[in-house]
């Protein structure tokens, strides 16, 4: 997806061989063909979460593994109206990600148990609930990434770097919420609040634009791996350079 968006963003430059984007895009399609995508891994994630949930409930013990400790506390309550300040708050972002994971795990477990109660196998029950399984594994993965970013952000001293990291974290969290159909499907966010999320994403794009080059440079990608478009592409395409 990242490669495709990069290719579209730069117009005709994205299909020039020297700019590498098209080559990388072609390689990705080939890799996906013979290695597959993440569907199988995502199913394994949801099965692991299911097993952990059932095990803890049967033994009546608190959750300790797979980052499910938040389920030992009461269910988070989200504000009915989301302001810009609320949307950028790390606690709100954590709460909504935890709420989504918790609710999807409970729904998934309940649906599987109901189908098993009708005499079907566990494997067949998982298969019938593939949509919930996919939503659950996605929720788990995105929450884990958010927590990793929060941990890294917490280690930074107050200053410009921490501020930019906060905006990047908010951008990631809000894009996850904006693009996830389960937000509306299961009523975690209202239509008005989803609209507020979308507007905040646009605002963050404008705020991060001046830092875009610095953020990309921070990955430390060697110049040898980059095409002319990563540098002065206007000069590279001038008649004097032909």
C-alpha atoms as a PDB file:
ATOM      1  CA  UNK A   1       0.000   0.000   0.000  1.00  0.00           C
ATOM      2  CA  UNK A   2       2.804   2.427   0.887  1.00  0.00           C
ATOM      3  CA  UNK A   3       4.509   1.778  -2.433  1.00  0.00           C
ATOM      4  CA  UNK A   4       1.273   2.269  -4.343  1.00  0.00           C
ATOM      5  CA  UNK A   5       0.530   5.564  -2.605  1.00  0.00           C
ATOM      6  CA  UNK A   6       4.088   6.773  -3.249  1.00  0.00           C
ATOM      7  CA  UNK A   7       3.767   5.824  -6.880  1.00  0.00           C
ATOM      8  CA  UNK A   8       0.494   7.706  -7.248  1.00  0.00           C
ATOM      9  CA  UNK A   9       1.739  10.754  -5.339  1.00  0.00           C
ATOM     10  CA  UNK A  10       4.624  11.458  -7.710  1.00  0.00           C
ATOM     11  CA  UNK A  11       2.753  11.000 -10.967  1.00  0.00           C
ATOM     12  CA  UNK A  12       4.797   9.926 -13.962  1.00  0.00           C
ATOM     13  CA  UNK A  13       7.995   9.940 -11.920  1.00  0.00           C
ATOM     14  CA  UNK A  14       6.682   6.891 -10.086  1.00  0.00           C
ATOM     15  CA  UNK A  15       6.851   4.706 -13.190  1.00  0.00           C
ATOM     16  CA  UNK A  16      10.390   5.660 -14.201  1.00  0.00           C
ATOM     17  CA  UNK A  17      12.808   2.796 -13.636  1.00  0.00           C
ATOM     18  CA  UNK A  18      15.508   5.039 -12.194  1.00  0.00           C
ATOM     19  CA  UNK A  19      13.222   6.074  -9.335  1.00  0.00           C
ATOM     20  CA  UNK A  20      12.946   2.438  -8.143  1.00  0.00           C
ATOM     21  CA  UNK A  21       9.318   2.737  -6.982  1.00  0.00           C
ATOM     22  CA  UNK A  22       7.928   0.669  -9.845  1.00  0.00           C
ATOM     23  CA  UNK A  23      10.621  -1.973  -9.391  1.00  0.00           C
ATOM     24  CA  UNK A  24       9.865  -2.329  -5.684  1.00  0.00           C
ATOM     25  CA  UNK A  25       6.135  -2.450  -6.408  1.00  0.00           C
ATOM     26  CA  UNK A  26       6.666  -5.248  -8.907  1.00  0.00           C
ATOM     27  CA  UNK A  27       8.788  -7.203  -6.436  1.00  0.00           C
ATOM     28  CA  UNK A  28       6.143  -6.837  -3.746  1.00  0.00           C
ATOM     29  CA  UNK A  29       3.448  -8.298  -5.997  1.00  0.00           C
ATOM     30  CA  UNK A  30       5.668 -11.291  -6.757  1.00  0.00           C
ATOM     31  CA  UNK A  31       6.491 -11.832  -3.080  1.00  0.00           C
ATOM     32  CA  UNK A  32       2.793 -11.726  -2.189  1.00  0.00           C
ATOM     33  CA  UNK A  33       2.032 -14.280  -4.892  1.00  0.00           C
ATOM     34  CA  UNK A  34       4.330 -17.044  -3.682  1.00  0.00           C
ATOM     35  CA  UNK A  35       4.631 -16.167   0.013  1.00  0.00           C
ATOM     36  CA  UNK A  36       1.060 -15.062   0.608  1.00  0.00           C
ATOM     37  CA  UNK A  37      -0.221 -12.162   2.667  1.00  0.00           C
ATOM     38  CA  UNK A  38      -0.774 -11.936   6.414  1.00  0.00           C
ATOM     39  CA  UNK A  39      -4.176 -13.641   6.574  1.00  0.00           C
ATOM     40  CA  UNK A  40      -2.818 -16.876   8.030  1.00  0.00           C
ATOM     41  CA  UNK A  41      -0.715 -15.043  10.612  1.00  0.00           C
ATOM     42  CA  UNK A  42      -3.696 -12.901  11.571  1.00  0.00           C
ATOM     43  CA  UNK A  43      -5.805 -16.015  12.097  1.00  0.00           C
ATOM     44  CA  UNK A  44      -3.117 -17.429  14.378  1.00  0.00           C
ATOM     45  CA  UNK A  45      -3.180 -14.198  16.389  1.00  0.00           C
ATOM     46  CA  UNK A  46      -6.940 -14.364  16.917  1.00  0.00           C
ATOM     47  CA  UNK A  47      -6.705 -18.058  17.873  1.00  0.00           C
ATOM     48  CA  UNK A  48      -4.002 -17.273  20.439  1.00  0.00           C
ATOM     49  CA  UNK A  49      -6.141 -14.491  21.915  1.00  0.00           C
ATOM     50  CA  UNK A  50      -9.128 -16.839  22.010  1.00  0.00           C
ATOM     51  CA  UNK A  51      -7.119 -19.513  23.837  1.00  0.00           C
ATOM     52  CA  UNK A  52      -5.789 -17.005  26.379  1.00  0.00           C
ATOM     53  CA  UNK A  53      -9.252 -15.591  27.025  1.00  0.00           C
ATOM     54  CA  UNK A  54     -10.896 -18.993  27.485  1.00  0.00           C
ATOM     55  CA  UNK A  55      -8.067 -20.234  29.703  1.00  0.00           C
ATOM     56  CA  UNK A  56      -8.219 -17.244  32.048  1.00  0.00           C
ATOM     57  CA  UNK A  57     -12.002 -17.366  32.263  1.00  0.00           C
ATOM     58  CA  UNK A  58     -12.037 -21.092  33.034  1.00  0.00           C
ATOM     59  CA  UNK A  59      -9.438 -20.739  35.785  1.00  0.00           C
ATOM     60  CA  UNK A  60     -11.000 -17.490  36.985  1.00  0.00           C
ATOM     61  CA  UNK A  61      -7.603 -15.828  36.938  1.00  0.00           C
ATOM     62  CA  UNK A  62      -6.581 -12.342  35.793  1.00  0.00           C
ATOM     63  CA  UNK A  63      -5.208 -11.803  32.322  1.00  0.00           C
ATOM     64  CA  UNK A  64      -1.411 -11.659  32.211  1.00  0.00           C
ATOM     65  CA  UNK A  65      -0.277 -12.495  28.691  1.00  0.00           C
ATOM     66  CA  UNK A  66      -0.616 -11.168  25.146  1.00  0.00           C
ATOM     67  CA  UNK A  67      -1.131  -7.615  26.344  1.00  0.00           C
ATOM     68  CA  UNK A  68      -4.616  -8.374  27.664  1.00  0.00           C
ATOM     69  CA  UNK A  69      -3.955  -6.981  31.134  1.00  0.00           C
ATOM     70  CA  UNK A  70      -6.242  -4.055  30.362  1.00  0.00           C
ATOM     71  CA  UNK A  71      -9.168  -6.492  30.488  1.00  0.00           C
ATOM     72  CA  UNK A  72      -8.656  -6.861  34.241  1.00  0.00           C
ATOM     73  CA  UNK A  73      -9.945  -3.303  34.623  1.00  0.00           C
ATOM     74  CA  UNK A  74     -13.389  -1.935  33.889  1.00  0.00           C
ATOM     75  CA  UNK A  75     -14.401  -1.267  30.308  1.00  0.00           C
ATOM     76  CA  UNK A  76     -13.232   2.185  29.104  1.00  0.00           C
ATOM     77  CA  UNK A  77     -15.926   4.787  28.527  1.00  0.00           C
ATOM     78  CA  UNK A  78     -15.375   7.073  25.549  1.00  0.00           C
ATOM     79  CA  UNK A  79     -16.554  10.694  25.406  1.00  0.00           C
ATOM     80  CA  UNK A  80     -19.692  11.257  23.362  1.00  0.00           C
ATOM     81  CA  UNK A  81     -18.176  14.285  21.619  1.00  0.00           C
ATOM     82  CA  UNK A  82     -14.568  14.219  20.495  1.00  0.00           C
ATOM     83  CA  UNK A  83     -12.589  17.445  20.409  1.00  0.00           C
ATOM     84  CA  UNK A  84      -9.179  17.978  18.831  1.00  0.00           C
ATOM     85  CA  UNK A  85      -7.542  17.841  22.255  1.00  0.00           C
ATOM     86  CA  UNK A  86      -9.290  14.572  23.111  1.00  0.00           C
ATOM     87  CA  UNK A  87      -8.399  12.921  19.815  1.00  0.00           C
ATOM     88  CA  UNK A  88      -4.709  13.700  20.336  1.00  0.00           C
ATOM     89  CA  UNK A  89      -4.711  12.526  23.946  1.00  0.00           C
ATOM     90  CA  UNK A  90      -2.664   9.350  24.377  1.00  0.00           C
ATOM     91  CA  UNK A  91      -5.038   8.096  27.070  1.00  0.00           C
ATOM     92  CA  UNK A  92      -8.036   8.391  24.760  1.00  0.00           C
ATOM     93  CA  UNK A  93      -6.170   6.615  21.978  1.00  0.00           C
ATOM     94  CA  UNK A  94      -5.181   3.806  24.337  1.00  0.00           C
ATOM     95  CA  UNK A  95      -8.731   3.541  25.659  1.00  0.00           C
ATOM     96  CA  UNK A  96     -10.383   3.283  22.260  1.00  0.00           C
ATOM     97  CA  UNK A  97      -7.852   0.710  21.044  1.00  0.00           C
ATOM     98  CA  UNK A  98      -8.310  -1.353  24.225  1.00  0.00           C
ATOM     99  CA  UNK A  99     -12.093  -1.068  24.022  1.00  0.00           C
ATOM    100  CA  UNK A 100     -12.084  -2.279  20.433  1.00  0.00           C
ATOM    101  CA  UNK A 101      -9.829  -5.253  21.202  1.00  0.00           C
ATOM    102  CA  UNK A 102     -11.799  -6.178  24.313  1.00  0.00           C
ATOM    103  CA  UNK A 103     -15.187  -6.028  22.632  1.00  0.00           C
ATOM    104  CA  UNK A 104     -14.065  -7.925  19.536  1.00  0.00           C
ATOM    105  CA  UNK A 105     -12.456 -10.650  21.649  1.00  0.00           C
ATOM    106  CA  UNK A 106     -15.626 -11.067  23.691  1.00  0.00           C
ATOM    107  CA  UNK A 107     -17.758 -11.135  20.544  1.00  0.00           C
ATOM    108  CA  UNK A 108     -15.451 -13.620  18.848  1.00  0.00           C
ATOM    109  CA  UNK A 109     -15.370 -15.932  21.862  1.00  0.00           C
ATOM    110  CA  UNK A 110     -19.141 -15.766  22.257  1.00  0.00           C
ATOM    111  CA  UNK A 111     -19.805 -16.516  18.584  1.00  0.00           C
ATOM    112  CA  UNK A 112     -17.382 -19.449  18.522  1.00  0.00           C
ATOM    113  CA  UNK A 113     -18.884 -20.884  21.720  1.00  0.00           C
ATOM    114  CA  UNK A 114     -22.402 -20.579  20.310  1.00  0.00           C
ATOM    115  CA  UNK A 115     -21.518 -22.445  17.123  1.00  0.00           C
ATOM    116  CA  UNK A 116     -19.624 -25.103  19.068  1.00  0.00           C
ATOM    117  CA  UNK A 117     -22.712 -25.503  21.229  1.00  0.00           C
ATOM    118  CA  UNK A 118     -24.575 -26.594  18.111  1.00  0.00           C
ATOM    119  CA  UNK A 119     -22.140 -29.469  17.698  1.00  0.00           C
ATOM    120  CA  UNK A 120     -19.725 -27.912  15.230  1.00  0.00           C
ATOM    121  CA  UNK A 121     -15.948 -28.185  15.570  1.00  0.00           C
ATOM    122  CA  UNK A 122     -13.789 -25.343  16.840  1.00  0.00           C
ATOM    123  CA  UNK A 123     -12.070 -25.060  13.446  1.00  0.00           C
ATOM    124  CA  UNK A 124     -15.401 -24.724  11.643  1.00  0.00           C
ATOM    125  CA  UNK A 125     -16.527 -22.163  14.226  1.00  0.00           C
ATOM    126  CA  UNK A 126     -13.409 -20.099  13.544  1.00  0.00           C
ATOM    127  CA  UNK A 127     -14.048 -20.344   9.827  1.00  0.00           C
ATOM    128  CA  UNK A 128     -17.608 -19.058  10.123  1.00  0.00           C
ATOM    129  CA  UNK A 129     -16.364 -16.087  12.149  1.00  0.00           C
ATOM    130  CA  UNK A 130     -13.498 -15.146   9.846  1.00  0.00           C
ATOM    131  CA  UNK A 131     -14.585 -11.492   9.716  1.00  0.00           C
ATOM    132  CA  UNK A 132     -14.545 -11.145  13.492  1.00  0.00           C
ATOM    133  CA  UNK A 133     -11.252 -13.014  13.572  1.00  0.00           C
ATOM    134  CA  UNK A 134      -9.731 -10.589  11.088  1.00  0.00           C
ATOM    135  CA  UNK A 135     -11.058  -7.543  12.950  1.00  0.00           C
ATOM    136  CA  UNK A 136      -9.746  -8.898  16.258  1.00  0.00           C
ATOM    137  CA  UNK A 137      -6.241  -9.643  15.019  1.00  0.00           C
ATOM    138  CA  UNK A 138      -6.053  -6.220  13.384  1.00  0.00           C
ATOM    139  CA  UNK A 139      -7.153  -4.567  16.626  1.00  0.00           C
ATOM    140  CA  UNK A 140      -4.512  -6.496  18.575  1.00  0.00           C
ATOM    141  CA  UNK A 141      -1.746  -5.608  16.116  1.00  0.00           C
ATOM    142  CA  UNK A 142      -2.592  -1.922  15.968  1.00  0.00           C
ATOM    143  CA  UNK A 143      -2.804  -1.684  19.759  1.00  0.00           C
ATOM    144  CA  UNK A 144       0.609  -3.324  20.094  1.00  0.00           C
ATOM    145  CA  UNK A 145       2.113  -0.836  17.628  1.00  0.00           C
ATOM    146  CA  UNK A 146       0.513   2.088  19.444  1.00  0.00           C
ATOM    147  CA  UNK A 147       1.936   0.891  22.757  1.00  0.00           C
ATOM    148  CA  UNK A 148       5.405   0.570  21.222  1.00  0.00           C
ATOM    149  CA  UNK A 149       5.229   4.151  19.965  1.00  0.00           C
ATOM    150  CA  UNK A 150       3.996   5.384  23.348  1.00  0.00           C
ATOM    151  CA  UNK A 151       6.882   3.638  25.111  1.00  0.00           C
ATOM    152  CA  UNK A 152       9.402   5.252  22.756  1.00  0.00           C
ATOM    153  CA  UNK A 153       7.736   8.644  23.126  1.00  0.00           C
ATOM    154  CA  UNK A 154       7.834   8.413  26.930  1.00  0.00           C
ATOM    155  CA  UNK A 155      11.627   8.025  26.855  1.00  0.00           C
ATOM    156  CA  UNK A 156      12.092  11.326  25.030  1.00  0.00           C
ATOM    157  CA  UNK A 157      12.718  14.499  27.046  1.00  0.00           C
ATOM    158  CA  UNK A 158      10.344  17.389  26.562  1.00  0.00           C
ATOM    159  CA  UNK A 159      11.136  19.270  23.376  1.00  0.00           C
ATOM    160  CA  UNK A 160      10.579  19.448  19.641  1.00  0.00           C
ATOM    161  CA  UNK A 161      11.338  15.763  18.986  1.00  0.00           C
ATOM    162  CA  UNK A 162       8.796  14.635  21.554  1.00  0.00           C
ATOM    163  CA  UNK A 163       6.226  17.025  20.080  1.00  0.00           C
ATOM    164  CA  UNK A 164       6.737  15.656  16.565  1.00  0.00           C
ATOM    165  CA  UNK A 165       6.590  12.072  17.827  1.00  0.00           C
ATOM    166  CA  UNK A 166       3.310  12.922  19.527  1.00  0.00           C
ATOM    167  CA  UNK A 167       1.882  14.170  16.247  1.00  0.00           C
ATOM    168  CA  UNK A 168       3.121  11.084  14.400  1.00  0.00           C
ATOM    169  CA  UNK A 169       1.569   8.861  17.054  1.00  0.00           C
ATOM    170  CA  UNK A 170      -1.724  10.728  16.814  1.00  0.00           C
ATOM    171  CA  UNK A 171      -1.619  10.481  13.027  1.00  0.00           C
ATOM    172  CA  UNK A 172      -1.128   6.719  13.232  1.00  0.00           C
ATOM    173  CA  UNK A 173      -3.849   6.200  15.833  1.00  0.00           C
ATOM    174  CA  UNK A 174      -6.426   8.356  14.076  1.00  0.00           C
ATOM    175  CA  UNK A 175      -5.778   6.850  10.645  1.00  0.00           C
ATOM    176  CA  UNK A 176      -6.325   3.412  12.198  1.00  0.00           C
ATOM    177  CA  UNK A 177      -9.659   4.597  13.584  1.00  0.00           C
ATOM    178  CA  UNK A 178     -10.661   6.348  10.372  1.00  0.00           C
ATOM    179  CA  UNK A 179      -9.973   3.358   8.138  1.00  0.00           C
ATOM    180  CA  UNK A 180     -11.386   0.617  10.360  1.00  0.00           C
ATOM    181  CA  UNK A 181     -15.004  -0.238   9.433  1.00  0.00           C
ATOM    182  CA  UNK A 182     -15.501  -1.882  12.835  1.00  0.00           C
ATOM    183  CA  UNK A 183     -15.549   1.574  14.434  1.00  0.00           C
ATOM    184  CA  UNK A 184     -18.983   2.135  12.919  1.00  0.00           C
ATOM    185  CA  UNK A 185     -19.964  -1.516  12.534  1.00  0.00           C
ATOM    186  CA  UNK A 186     -19.887  -2.137  16.276  1.00  0.00           C
ATOM    187  CA  UNK A 187     -20.675   1.397  17.398  1.00  0.00           C
ATOM    188  CA  UNK A 188     -17.384   2.345  19.054  1.00  0.00           C
ATOM    189  CA  UNK A 189     -17.594   5.759  17.402  1.00  0.00           C
ATOM    190  CA  UNK A 190     -20.597   7.654  16.114  1.00  0.00           C
ATOM    191  CA  UNK A 191     -20.777   8.984  12.568  1.00  0.00           C
ATOM    192  CA  UNK A 192     -20.139  12.502  13.852  1.00  0.00           C
ATOM    193  CA  UNK A 193     -17.083  11.361  15.780  1.00  0.00           C
ATOM    194  CA  UNK A 194     -15.724   9.506  12.760  1.00  0.00           C
ATOM    195  CA  UNK A 195     -16.074  12.785  10.876  1.00  0.00           C
ATOM    196  CA  UNK A 196     -14.146  14.541  13.648  1.00  0.00           C
ATOM    197  CA  UNK A 197     -11.397  11.936  13.333  1.00  0.00           C
ATOM    198  CA  UNK A 198     -11.183  12.528   9.582  1.00  0.00           C
ATOM    199  CA  UNK A 199     -10.887  16.290  10.033  1.00  0.00           C
ATOM    200  CA  UNK A 200      -8.176  15.860  12.654  1.00  0.00           C
ATOM    201  CA  UNK A 201      -6.173  13.627  10.309  1.00  0.00           C
ATOM    202  CA  UNK A 202      -6.223  16.380   7.678  1.00  0.00           C
ATOM    203  CA  UNK A 203      -5.081  18.899  10.275  1.00  0.00           C
ATOM    204  CA  UNK A 204      -2.223  16.642  11.378  1.00  0.00           C
ATOM    205  CA  UNK A 205      -1.111  16.208   7.766  1.00  0.00           C
ATOM    206  CA  UNK A 206      -0.654  19.966   7.531  1.00  0.00           C
ATOM    207  CA  UNK A 207       1.240  20.128  10.814  1.00  0.00           C
ATOM    208  CA  UNK A 208       3.580  17.275   9.901  1.00  0.00           C
ATOM    209  CA  UNK A 209       4.298  18.501   6.389  1.00  0.00           C
ATOM    210  CA  UNK A 210       7.246  20.742   7.437  1.00  0.00           C
ATOM    211  CA  UNK A 211       8.789  17.754   9.236  1.00  0.00           C
ATOM    212  CA  UNK A 212       8.210  15.199   6.464  1.00  0.00           C
ATOM    213  CA  UNK A 213      11.762  15.223   5.088  1.00  0.00           C
ATOM    214  CA  UNK A 214      13.320  14.999   8.548  1.00  0.00           C
ATOM    215  CA  UNK A 215      11.060  12.072   9.448  1.00  0.00           C
ATOM    216  CA  UNK A 216      11.954  10.171   6.286  1.00  0.00           C
ATOM    217  CA  UNK A 217      15.660  10.954   6.732  1.00  0.00           C
ATOM    218  CA  UNK A 218      15.506   9.534  10.264  1.00  0.00           C
ATOM    219  CA  UNK A 219      15.092   6.045   8.783  1.00  0.00           C
ATOM    220  CA  UNK A 220      18.691   6.279   7.606  1.00  0.00           C
ATOM    221  CA  UNK A 221      18.085   4.803   4.156  1.00  0.00           C
ATOM    222  CA  UNK A 222      21.433   4.786   2.260  1.00  0.00           C
ATOM    223  CA  UNK A 223      21.591   7.118  -0.740  1.00  0.00           C
ATOM    224  CA  UNK A 224      22.547   4.173  -2.944  1.00  0.00           C
ATOM    225  CA  UNK A 225      19.058   2.740  -2.443  1.00  0.00           C
ATOM    226  CA  UNK A 226      17.337   5.935  -3.527  1.00  0.00           C
ATOM    227  CA  UNK A 227      16.450   7.215  -6.971  1.00  0.00           C
ATOM    228  CA  UNK A 228      16.805  10.760  -8.355  1.00  0.00           C
ATOM    229  CA  UNK A 229      13.315  11.631  -7.139  1.00  0.00           C
ATOM    230  CA  UNK A 230      14.604  11.479  -3.561  1.00  0.00           C
ATOM    231  CA  UNK A 231      16.939  14.391  -4.272  1.00  0.00           C
ATOM    232  CA  UNK A 232      16.710  17.264  -6.767  1.00  0.00           C
ATOM    233  CA  UNK A 233      14.402  15.559  -9.226  1.00  0.00           C
ATOM    234  CA  UNK A 234      13.786  18.791 -11.150  1.00  0.00           C
ATOM    235  CA  UNK A 235      17.472  19.135 -11.950  1.00  0.00           C
ATOM    236  CA  UNK A 236      17.717  15.415 -12.702  1.00  0.00           C
ATOM    237  CA  UNK A 237      15.001  15.801 -15.348  1.00  0.00           C
ATOM    238  CA  UNK A 238      16.291  19.059 -16.842  1.00  0.00           C
ATOM    239  CA  UNK A 239      17.484  19.069 -20.460  1.00  0.00           C
ATOM    240  CA  UNK A 240      20.976  19.919 -19.274  1.00  0.00           C
ATOM    241  CA  UNK A 241      21.128  16.586 -17.451  1.00  0.00           C
ATOM    242  CA  UNK A 242      19.982  14.515 -20.409  1.00  0.00           C
END
